[in-house]
Amino acid sequence: MGTKGRELVGEHADKIIELLNKALCDEWLAYYQYWIGSKVVKGPMKDAVIAELIQHANDELRHADMLVTRILELGGTPVLSPKQWFELTNCGYDAPVDPFVKIVLEQNIKGEQCAIDTYSEILKITKDIDPITYNIALQILTDEVEHEEDLQSFLEDLENLKFLK
């Protein structure tokens, strides 16, 4: 932990660490949701969707790494137990019980929309008190917005397949 770095956020450090830990839980659950979805998904455009899900899983893992680094910089402890992921998550987890591509896409769109809300809130809270966390949240938010758009495009393409008959 850097003394000056923590000093920068002062009394807000513990609250920011709490927010980042909740987001960290979301990222781990999102990583797994994308990864397992890429393994079980079935239906039209499956191969293209698998590639997209794997790319998104890798992005979520990178986000988790960014959050852990910042939590440690602020002198906090990242969530250490996967059991806590479900207790602290903002966005939850949708198991791909129905692996049909449309359902998997819809579940992940819902997750991305929640992530967009989560990082938008972190941006509001850190805007004037923690420029480093603000920039990290902005980078992650940018990815999440792109993910939502990517997934919605796949869903639109899937919907348009029925018009080709």
N, C-alpha and C. Protein backbone atom coordinates (compact mmCIF):
# COMPACT_ATOMS: atom_id res chain seq x y z
N MET A 1 0.84 -1.18 0.00
CA MET A 1 0.00 0.00 0.00
C MET A 1 0.88 1.24 0.00
N GLY A 2 0.57 2.15 -0.88
CA GLY A 2 1.29 3.41 -0.91
C GLY A 2 0.64 4.42 0.00
N THR A 3 1.42 5.01 0.85
CA THR A 3 0.89 5.97 1.82
C THR A 3 0.25 7.16 1.13
N LYS A 4 0.96 7.74 0.16
CA LYS A 4 0.43 8.91 -0.56
C LYS A 4 -0.80 8.53 -1.38
N GLY A 5 -0.74 7.32 -1.97
CA GLY A 5 -1.87 6.85 -2.78
C GLY A 5 -3.15 6.72 -1.96
N ARG A 6 -3.01 6.19 -0.76
CA ARG A 6 -4.19 6.08 0.12
C ARG A 6 -4.59 7.45 0.64
N GLU A 7 -3.61 8.28 0.90
CA GLU A 7 -3.87 9.64 1.38
C GLU A 7 -4.71 10.42 0.36
N LEU A 8 -4.47 10.13 -0.91
CA LEU A 8 -5.19 10.81 -1.99
C LEU A 8 -6.71 10.66 -1.84
N VAL A 9 -7.16 9.49 -1.41
CA VAL A 9 -8.60 9.25 -1.27
C VAL A 9 -9.08 9.43 0.17
N GLY A 10 -8.13 9.51 1.09
CA GLY A 10 -8.44 9.81 2.49
C GLY A 10 -9.51 8.94 3.10
N GLU A 11 -10.48 9.60 3.71
CA GLU A 11 -11.54 8.92 4.44
C GLU A 11 -12.42 8.05 3.57
N HIS A 12 -12.34 8.18 2.26
CA HIS A 12 -13.18 7.44 1.33
C HIS A 12 -12.61 6.07 0.96
N ALA A 13 -11.39 5.79 1.39
CA ALA A 13 -10.71 4.56 0.96
C ALA A 13 -11.51 3.30 1.28
N ASP A 14 -12.02 3.18 2.48
CA ASP A 14 -12.75 1.96 2.86
C ASP A 14 -14.01 1.77 2.02
N LYS A 15 -14.73 2.84 1.75
CA LYS A 15 -15.95 2.75 0.93
C LYS A 15 -15.58 2.36 -0.50
N ILE A 16 -14.51 2.92 -1.02
CA ILE A 16 -14.08 2.59 -2.39
C ILE A 16 -13.64 1.13 -2.45
N ILE A 17 -12.93 0.67 -1.45
CA ILE A 17 -12.52 -0.74 -1.40
C ILE A 17 -13.74 -1.64 -1.38
N GLU A 18 -14.74 -1.27 -0.62
CA GLU A 18 -15.98 -2.06 -0.56
C GLU A 18 -16.65 -2.13 -1.94
N LEU A 19 -16.75 -0.99 -2.62
CA LEU A 19 -17.34 -0.96 -3.96
C LEU A 19 -16.54 -1.81 -4.94
N LEU A 20 -15.22 -1.71 -4.85
CA LEU A 20 -14.36 -2.47 -5.76
C LEU A 20 -14.45 -3.96 -5.49
N ASN A 21 -14.57 -4.35 -4.24
CA ASN A 21 -14.72 -5.77 -3.92
C ASN A 21 -16.03 -6.33 -4.45
N LYS A 22 -17.10 -5.56 -4.36
CA LYS A 22 -18.38 -6.00 -4.91
C LYS A 22 -18.27 -6.15 -6.44
N ALA A 23 -17.61 -5.19 -7.07
CA ALA A 23 -17.40 -5.27 -8.52
C ALA A 23 -16.50 -6.45 -8.87
N LEU A 24 -15.52 -6.73 -8.01
CA LEU A 24 -14.64 -7.88 -8.22
C LEU A 24 -15.45 -9.18 -8.22
N CYS A 25 -16.39 -9.29 -7.31
CA CYS A 25 -17.26 -10.48 -7.27
C CYS A 25 -18.05 -10.59 -8.57
N ASP A 26 -18.56 -9.46 -9.05
CA ASP A 26 -19.28 -9.46 -10.33
C ASP A 26 -18.39 -9.95 -11.46
N GLU A 27 -17.16 -9.48 -11.48
CA GLU A 27 -16.25 -9.85 -12.57
C GLU A 27 -15.94 -11.35 -12.57
N TRP A 28 -15.72 -11.91 -11.38
CA TRP A 28 -15.45 -13.35 -11.30
C TRP A 28 -16.65 -14.16 -11.76
N LEU A 29 -17.84 -13.76 -11.33
CA LEU A 29 -19.04 -14.47 -11.75
C LEU A 29 -19.29 -14.28 -13.24
N ALA A 30 -19.03 -13.09 -13.76
CA ALA A 30 -19.18 -12.84 -15.20
C ALA A 30 -18.18 -13.67 -15.99
N TYR A 31 -16.95 -13.73 -15.49
CA TYR A 31 -15.94 -14.56 -16.16
C TYR A 31 -16.46 -15.99 -16.29
N TYR A 32 -16.91 -16.55 -15.19
CA TYR A 32 -17.35 -17.94 -15.22
C TYR A 32 -18.60 -18.10 -16.09
N GLN A 33 -19.52 -17.16 -16.01
CA GLN A 33 -20.73 -17.23 -16.82
C GLN A 33 -20.38 -17.24 -18.31
N TYR A 34 -19.45 -16.39 -18.72
CA TYR A 34 -19.02 -16.38 -20.12
C TYR A 34 -18.27 -17.67 -20.47
N TRP A 35 -17.36 -18.06 -19.61
CA TRP A 35 -16.52 -19.22 -19.90
C TRP A 35 -17.37 -20.49 -20.02
N ILE A 36 -18.23 -20.75 -19.02
CA ILE A 36 -19.04 -21.96 -19.06
C ILE A 36 -20.06 -21.88 -20.19
N GLY A 37 -20.57 -20.69 -20.45
CA GLY A 37 -21.49 -20.51 -21.57
C GLY A 37 -20.83 -20.88 -22.90
N SER A 38 -19.56 -20.55 -23.04
CA SER A 38 -18.84 -20.87 -24.28
C SER A 38 -18.66 -22.38 -24.44
N LYS A 39 -18.72 -23.10 -23.36
CA LYS A 39 -18.55 -24.56 -23.41
C LYS A 39 -19.85 -25.29 -23.73
N VAL A 40 -20.99 -24.73 -23.29
CA VAL A 40 -22.25 -25.47 -23.41
C VAL A 40 -23.22 -24.91 -24.45
N VAL A 41 -22.97 -23.72 -24.98
CA VAL A 41 -23.92 -23.07 -25.89
C VAL A 41 -24.20 -23.94 -27.12
N LYS A 42 -25.48 -23.89 -27.54
CA LYS A 42 -25.92 -24.68 -28.70
C LYS A 42 -26.85 -23.82 -29.55
N GLY A 43 -26.84 -24.11 -30.84
CA GLY A 43 -27.78 -23.44 -31.72
C GLY A 43 -27.09 -22.74 -32.87
N PRO A 44 -27.88 -21.96 -33.62
CA PRO A 44 -27.33 -21.27 -34.80
C PRO A 44 -26.26 -20.25 -34.39
N MET A 45 -25.29 -20.11 -35.25
CA MET A 45 -24.18 -19.15 -35.07
C MET A 45 -23.32 -19.51 -33.85
N LYS A 46 -23.39 -20.77 -33.44
CA LYS A 46 -22.71 -21.21 -32.22
C LYS A 46 -21.22 -20.88 -32.23
N ASP A 47 -20.54 -21.16 -33.33
CA ASP A 47 -19.09 -20.96 -33.35
C ASP A 47 -18.70 -19.50 -33.18
N ALA A 48 -19.43 -18.60 -33.82
CA ALA A 48 -19.14 -17.16 -33.67
C ALA A 48 -19.46 -16.70 -32.24
N VAL A 49 -20.53 -17.21 -31.68
CA VAL A 49 -20.90 -16.83 -30.31
C VAL A 49 -19.87 -17.37 -29.32
N ILE A 50 -19.41 -18.59 -29.53
CA ILE A 50 -18.37 -19.16 -28.65
C ILE A 50 -17.14 -18.25 -28.63
N ALA A 51 -16.69 -17.84 -29.81
CA ALA A 51 -15.51 -16.97 -29.89
C ALA A 51 -15.74 -15.67 -29.13
N GLU A 52 -16.93 -15.11 -29.25
CA GLU A 52 -17.25 -13.85 -28.56
C GLU A 52 -17.30 -14.06 -27.05
N LEU A 53 -17.91 -15.14 -26.61
CA LEU A 53 -18.00 -15.43 -25.18
C LEU A 53 -16.62 -15.62 -24.57
N ILE A 54 -15.74 -16.30 -25.28
CA ILE A 54 -14.37 -16.50 -24.77
C ILE A 54 -13.64 -15.17 -24.66
N GLN A 55 -13.79 -14.31 -25.67
CA GLN A 55 -13.16 -12.99 -25.63
C GLN A 55 -13.68 -12.18 -24.44
N HIS A 56 -14.99 -12.23 -24.22
CA HIS A 56 -15.57 -11.49 -23.10
C HIS A 56 -15.10 -12.07 -21.77
N ALA A 57 -14.99 -13.39 -21.68
CA ALA A 57 -14.49 -14.02 -20.45
C ALA A 57 -13.09 -13.50 -20.14
N ASN A 58 -12.25 -13.44 -21.15
CA ASN A 58 -10.89 -12.94 -20.95
C ASN A 58 -10.89 -11.48 -20.50
N ASP A 59 -11.80 -10.68 -21.05
CA ASP A 59 -11.91 -9.28 -20.62
C ASP A 59 -12.34 -9.19 -19.15
N GLU A 60 -13.27 -10.03 -18.74
CA GLU A 60 -13.74 -10.00 -17.35
C GLU A 60 -12.61 -10.40 -16.40
N LEU A 61 -11.80 -11.34 -16.80
CA LEU A 61 -10.65 -11.75 -15.99
C LEU A 61 -9.65 -10.59 -15.86
N ARG A 62 -9.45 -9.88 -16.96
CA ARG A 62 -8.56 -8.70 -16.94
C ARG A 62 -9.13 -7.62 -16.02
N HIS A 63 -10.44 -7.45 -16.06
CA HIS A 63 -11.09 -6.48 -15.17
C HIS A 63 -10.86 -6.86 -13.71
N ALA A 64 -11.02 -8.14 -13.41
CA ALA A 64 -10.80 -8.61 -12.03
C ALA A 64 -9.37 -8.28 -11.58
N ASP A 65 -8.43 -8.48 -12.47
CA ASP A 65 -7.03 -8.18 -12.15
C ASP A 65 -6.84 -6.69 -11.86
N MET A 66 -7.47 -5.84 -12.66
CA MET A 66 -7.37 -4.39 -12.46
C MET A 66 -7.96 -4.00 -11.10
N LEU A 67 -9.08 -4.61 -10.75
CA LEU A 67 -9.73 -4.28 -9.48
C LEU A 67 -8.90 -4.73 -8.29
N VAL A 68 -8.36 -5.94 -8.37
CA VAL A 68 -7.52 -6.44 -7.27
C VAL A 68 -6.31 -5.54 -7.07
N THR A 69 -5.68 -5.15 -8.16
CA THR A 69 -4.52 -4.27 -8.06
C THR A 69 -4.89 -2.97 -7.34
N ARG A 70 -6.04 -2.40 -7.70
CA ARG A 70 -6.45 -1.14 -7.07
C ARG A 70 -6.82 -1.33 -5.60
N ILE A 71 -7.51 -2.42 -5.29
CA ILE A 71 -7.85 -2.72 -3.90
C ILE A 71 -6.58 -2.79 -3.06
N LEU A 72 -5.58 -3.47 -3.56
CA LEU A 72 -4.31 -3.60 -2.84
C LEU A 72 -3.61 -2.25 -2.71
N GLU A 73 -3.64 -1.43 -3.77
CA GLU A 73 -3.04 -0.11 -3.71
C GLU A 73 -3.67 0.76 -2.62
N LEU A 74 -4.97 0.53 -2.39
CA LEU A 74 -5.67 1.31 -1.38
C LEU A 74 -5.53 0.70 0.02
N GLY A 75 -4.75 -0.37 0.12
CA GLY A 75 -4.51 -1.00 1.42
C GLY A 75 -5.60 -1.97 1.83
N GLY A 76 -6.43 -2.36 0.89
CA GLY A 76 -7.51 -3.29 1.19
C GLY A 76 -7.12 -4.73 0.91
N THR A 77 -8.04 -5.62 1.20
CA THR A 77 -7.88 -7.04 0.92
C THR A 77 -8.96 -7.43 -0.06
N PRO A 78 -8.58 -8.00 -1.20
CA PRO A 78 -9.60 -8.44 -2.14
C PRO A 78 -10.38 -9.63 -1.56
N VAL A 79 -11.58 -9.83 -2.04
CA VAL A 79 -12.39 -10.98 -1.63
C VAL A 79 -11.56 -12.24 -1.85
N LEU A 80 -11.44 -13.03 -0.80
CA LEU A 80 -10.55 -14.19 -0.84
C LEU A 80 -11.27 -15.52 -1.05
N SER A 81 -12.57 -15.53 -0.86
CA SER A 81 -13.31 -16.78 -0.94
C SER A 81 -14.41 -16.70 -2.01
N PRO A 82 -14.44 -17.68 -2.91
CA PRO A 82 -15.51 -17.69 -3.92
C PRO A 82 -16.91 -17.71 -3.31
N LYS A 83 -17.07 -18.25 -2.10
CA LYS A 83 -18.38 -18.23 -1.45
C LYS A 83 -18.89 -16.80 -1.30
N GLN A 84 -17.97 -15.87 -1.07
CA GLN A 84 -18.36 -14.47 -0.89
C GLN A 84 -18.84 -13.82 -2.18
N TRP A 85 -18.47 -14.38 -3.33
CA TRP A 85 -18.90 -13.79 -4.59
C TRP A 85 -20.42 -13.64 -4.64
N PHE A 86 -21.11 -14.69 -4.19
CA PHE A 86 -22.57 -14.68 -4.24
C PHE A 86 -23.18 -13.77 -3.18
N GLU A 87 -22.47 -13.57 -2.08
CA GLU A 87 -22.97 -12.70 -1.02
C GLU A 87 -22.81 -11.22 -1.37
N LEU A 88 -21.74 -10.89 -2.10
CA LEU A 88 -21.40 -9.49 -2.35
C LEU A 88 -21.74 -8.98 -3.75
N THR A 89 -22.10 -9.88 -4.65
CA THR A 89 -22.33 -9.48 -6.03
C THR A 89 -23.43 -8.43 -6.19
N ASN A 90 -23.22 -7.55 -7.13
CA ASN A 90 -24.25 -6.60 -7.55
C ASN A 90 -25.17 -7.25 -8.59
N CYS A 91 -24.57 -8.06 -9.44
CA CYS A 91 -25.24 -8.52 -10.66
C CYS A 91 -25.67 -9.98 -10.65
N GLY A 92 -25.21 -10.75 -9.71
CA GLY A 92 -25.62 -12.14 -9.64
C GLY A 92 -24.98 -13.01 -10.71
N TYR A 93 -25.59 -14.16 -10.91
CA TYR A 93 -25.06 -15.15 -11.85
C TYR A 93 -26.24 -15.91 -12.44
N ASP A 94 -26.26 -16.01 -13.76
CA ASP A 94 -27.29 -16.78 -14.45
C ASP A 94 -26.65 -18.01 -15.07
N ALA A 95 -26.86 -19.16 -14.46
CA ALA A 95 -26.32 -20.41 -15.00
C ALA A 95 -26.99 -20.71 -16.34
N PRO A 96 -26.21 -21.13 -17.31
CA PRO A 96 -26.78 -21.44 -18.63
C PRO A 96 -27.46 -22.80 -18.65
N VAL A 97 -28.48 -22.95 -17.80
CA VAL A 97 -29.21 -24.22 -17.69
C VAL A 97 -29.84 -24.57 -19.04
N ASP A 98 -30.36 -23.56 -19.72
CA ASP A 98 -30.83 -23.72 -21.10
C ASP A 98 -29.73 -23.17 -22.00
N PRO A 99 -28.96 -24.05 -22.66
CA PRO A 99 -27.80 -23.59 -23.42
C PRO A 99 -28.10 -23.04 -24.81
N PHE A 100 -29.39 -22.87 -25.15
CA PHE A 100 -29.71 -22.33 -26.46
C PHE A 100 -29.11 -20.93 -26.60
N VAL A 101 -28.51 -20.68 -27.72
CA VAL A 101 -27.73 -19.47 -27.95
C VAL A 101 -28.49 -18.19 -27.60
N LYS A 102 -29.76 -18.12 -27.95
CA LYS A 102 -30.56 -16.92 -27.66
C LYS A 102 -30.64 -16.68 -26.14
N ILE A 103 -30.86 -17.73 -25.39
CA ILE A 103 -30.98 -17.61 -23.93
C ILE A 103 -29.64 -17.19 -23.32
N VAL A 104 -28.56 -17.81 -23.76
CA VAL A 104 -27.23 -17.48 -23.26
C VAL A 104 -26.90 -16.02 -23.56
N LEU A 105 -27.20 -15.56 -24.76
CA LEU A 105 -26.96 -14.16 -25.12
C LEU A 105 -27.78 -13.23 -24.23
N GLU A 106 -29.05 -13.54 -24.03
CA GLU A 106 -29.91 -12.69 -23.20
C GLU A 106 -29.41 -12.62 -21.76
N GLN A 107 -28.96 -13.75 -21.23
CA GLN A 107 -28.43 -13.77 -19.86
C GLN A 107 -27.20 -12.87 -19.74
N ASN A 108 -26.33 -12.95 -20.73
CA ASN A 108 -25.11 -12.15 -20.68
C ASN A 108 -25.37 -10.67 -20.95
N ILE A 109 -26.35 -10.36 -21.76
CA ILE A 109 -26.75 -8.96 -21.96
C ILE A 109 -27.24 -8.39 -20.63
N LYS A 110 -28.06 -9.14 -19.92
CA LYS A 110 -28.55 -8.70 -18.61
C LYS A 110 -27.37 -8.42 -17.67
N GLY A 111 -26.38 -9.30 -17.67
CA GLY A 111 -25.20 -9.11 -16.83
C GLY A 111 -24.42 -7.86 -17.22
N GLU A 112 -24.28 -7.63 -18.51
CA GLU A 112 -23.56 -6.43 -18.97
C GLU A 112 -24.31 -5.16 -18.59
N GLN A 113 -25.62 -5.19 -18.68
CA GLN A 113 -26.40 -4.01 -18.32
C GLN A 113 -26.25 -3.69 -16.83
N CYS A 114 -26.20 -4.72 -16.02
CA CYS A 114 -25.96 -4.51 -14.59
C CYS A 114 -24.55 -3.96 -14.37
N ALA A 115 -23.56 -4.51 -15.08
CA ALA A 115 -22.18 -4.02 -14.95
C ALA A 115 -22.09 -2.55 -15.36
N ILE A 116 -22.80 -2.17 -16.40
CA ILE A 116 -22.81 -0.77 -16.83
C ILE A 116 -23.35 0.11 -15.70
N ASP A 117 -24.42 -0.32 -15.07
CA ASP A 117 -24.98 0.44 -13.93
C ASP A 117 -23.97 0.51 -12.78
N THR A 118 -23.32 -0.61 -12.48
CA THR A 118 -22.36 -0.68 -11.37
C THR A 118 -21.20 0.28 -11.60
N TYR A 119 -20.60 0.23 -12.77
CA TYR A 119 -19.44 1.09 -13.03
C TYR A 119 -19.84 2.56 -13.20
N SER A 120 -21.06 2.80 -13.68
CA SER A 120 -21.54 4.18 -13.74
C SER A 120 -21.63 4.76 -12.32
N GLU A 121 -22.09 3.95 -11.39
CA GLU A 121 -22.20 4.37 -10.00
C GLU A 121 -20.80 4.61 -9.39
N ILE A 122 -19.86 3.71 -9.68
CA ILE A 122 -18.49 3.89 -9.18
C ILE A 122 -17.90 5.18 -9.75
N LEU A 123 -18.18 5.47 -11.00
CA LEU A 123 -17.70 6.72 -11.60
C LEU A 123 -18.25 7.94 -10.85
N LYS A 124 -19.54 7.92 -10.56
CA LYS A 124 -20.15 9.05 -9.84
C LYS A 124 -19.50 9.25 -8.47
N ILE A 125 -19.28 8.14 -7.78
CA ILE A 125 -18.75 8.22 -6.41
C ILE A 125 -17.29 8.66 -6.39
N THR A 126 -16.50 8.22 -7.36
CA THR A 126 -15.06 8.49 -7.34
C THR A 126 -14.65 9.72 -8.13
N LYS A 127 -15.58 10.31 -8.86
CA LYS A 127 -15.26 11.42 -9.79
C LYS A 127 -14.36 12.49 -9.18
N ASP A 128 -14.71 12.98 -8.02
CA ASP A 128 -13.96 14.09 -7.43
C ASP A 128 -13.04 13.68 -6.28
N ILE A 129 -13.00 12.36 -5.96
CA ILE A 129 -12.20 11.96 -4.80
C ILE A 129 -11.10 10.94 -5.10
N ASP A 130 -11.20 10.25 -6.24
CA ASP A 130 -10.20 9.21 -6.53
C ASP A 130 -10.03 9.06 -8.04
N PRO A 131 -9.16 9.88 -8.62
CA PRO A 131 -9.00 9.85 -10.08
C PRO A 131 -8.47 8.51 -10.62
N ILE A 132 -7.72 7.79 -9.83
CA ILE A 132 -7.17 6.51 -10.30
C ILE A 132 -8.29 5.48 -10.43
N THR A 133 -9.07 5.32 -9.37
CA THR A 133 -10.21 4.39 -9.43
C THR A 133 -11.19 4.84 -10.51
N TYR A 134 -11.40 6.13 -10.63
CA TYR A 134 -12.28 6.68 -11.66
C TYR A 134 -11.83 6.21 -13.05
N ASN A 135 -10.54 6.33 -13.33
CA ASN A 135 -10.02 5.93 -14.64
C ASN A 135 -10.13 4.43 -14.86
N ILE A 136 -9.91 3.65 -13.82
CA ILE A 136 -10.07 2.19 -13.95
C ILE A 136 -11.53 1.85 -14.25
N ALA A 137 -12.45 2.46 -13.50
CA ALA A 137 -13.88 2.22 -13.72
C ALA A 137 -14.29 2.65 -15.12
N LEU A 138 -13.73 3.75 -15.61
CA LEU A 138 -14.05 4.23 -16.95
C LEU A 138 -13.56 3.24 -18.01
N GLN A 139 -12.36 2.71 -17.83
CA GLN A 139 -11.85 1.70 -18.77
C GLN A 139 -12.74 0.47 -18.79
N ILE A 140 -13.13 0.00 -17.62
CA ILE A 140 -13.96 -1.19 -17.54
C ILE A 140 -15.35 -0.90 -18.11
N LEU A 141 -15.92 0.26 -17.77
CA LEU A 141 -17.23 0.64 -18.31
C LEU A 141 -17.21 0.65 -19.83
N THR A 142 -16.15 1.16 -20.40
CA THR A 142 -16.03 1.20 -21.86
C THR A 142 -16.12 -0.22 -22.44
N ASP A 143 -15.43 -1.17 -21.81
CA ASP A 143 -15.50 -2.56 -22.25
C ASP A 143 -16.91 -3.12 -22.09
N GLU A 144 -17.54 -2.83 -20.97
CA GLU A 144 -18.87 -3.40 -20.70
C GLU A 144 -19.90 -2.88 -21.71
N VAL A 145 -19.81 -1.61 -22.06
CA VAL A 145 -20.71 -1.05 -23.06
C VAL A 145 -20.48 -1.74 -24.41
N GLU A 146 -19.23 -1.96 -24.75
CA GLU A 146 -18.90 -2.66 -25.99
C GLU A 146 -19.42 -4.10 -25.95
N HIS A 147 -19.28 -4.76 -24.82
CA HIS A 147 -19.79 -6.14 -24.68
C HIS A 147 -21.30 -6.20 -24.91
N GLU A 148 -22.01 -5.27 -24.28
CA GLU A 148 -23.47 -5.25 -24.46
C GLU A 148 -23.81 -5.09 -25.94
N GLU A 149 -23.14 -4.16 -26.60
CA GLU A 149 -23.40 -3.93 -28.02
C GLU A 149 -23.09 -5.17 -28.85
N ASP A 150 -21.95 -5.82 -28.58
CA ASP A 150 -21.57 -7.04 -29.30
C ASP A 150 -22.65 -8.12 -29.16
N LEU A 151 -23.08 -8.34 -27.93
CA LEU A 151 -24.06 -9.39 -27.66
C LEU A 151 -25.41 -9.06 -28.28
N GLN A 152 -25.81 -7.80 -28.21
CA GLN A 152 -27.08 -7.41 -28.83
C GLN A 152 -27.02 -7.57 -30.35
N SER A 153 -25.86 -7.32 -30.93
CA SER A 153 -25.71 -7.52 -32.39
C SER A 153 -25.88 -8.99 -32.76
N PHE A 154 -25.31 -9.88 -31.95
CA PHE A 154 -25.49 -11.31 -32.19
C PHE A 154 -26.97 -11.69 -32.07
N LEU A 155 -27.63 -11.14 -31.08
CA LEU A 155 -29.05 -11.44 -30.88
C LEU A 155 -29.86 -10.95 -32.07
N GLU A 156 -29.55 -9.76 -32.58
CA GLU A 156 -30.24 -9.23 -33.76
C GLU A 156 -29.98 -10.12 -34.98
N ASP A 157 -28.73 -10.55 -35.16
CA ASP A 157 -28.41 -11.44 -36.27
C ASP A 157 -29.19 -12.75 -36.16
N LEU A 158 -29.29 -13.26 -34.97
CA LEU A 158 -30.03 -14.50 -34.72
C LEU A 158 -31.51 -14.32 -35.07
N GLU A 159 -32.06 -13.19 -34.65
CA GLU A 159 -33.46 -12.89 -34.95
C GLU A 159 -33.67 -12.77 -36.46
N ASN A 160 -32.70 -12.22 -37.17
CA ASN A 160 -32.84 -12.03 -38.62
C ASN A 160 -32.73 -13.34 -39.39
N LEU A 161 -32.17 -14.36 -38.79
CA LEU A 161 -32.06 -15.66 -39.46
C LEU A 161 -33.45 -16.21 -39.83
N LYS A 162 -34.44 -15.94 -39.01
CA LYS A 162 -35.79 -16.47 -39.28
C LYS A 162 -36.42 -15.83 -40.51
N PHE A 163 -35.91 -14.67 -40.91
CA PHE A 163 -36.45 -14.01 -42.09
C PHE A 163 -35.82 -14.50 -43.39
N LEU A 164 -34.79 -15.34 -43.26
CA LEU A 164 -34.10 -15.86 -44.46
C LEU A 164 -34.84 -17.04 -45.09
N LYS A 165 -35.79 -17.57 -44.39
CA LYS A 165 -36.52 -18.75 -44.91
C LYS A 165 -37.38 -18.43 -46.09
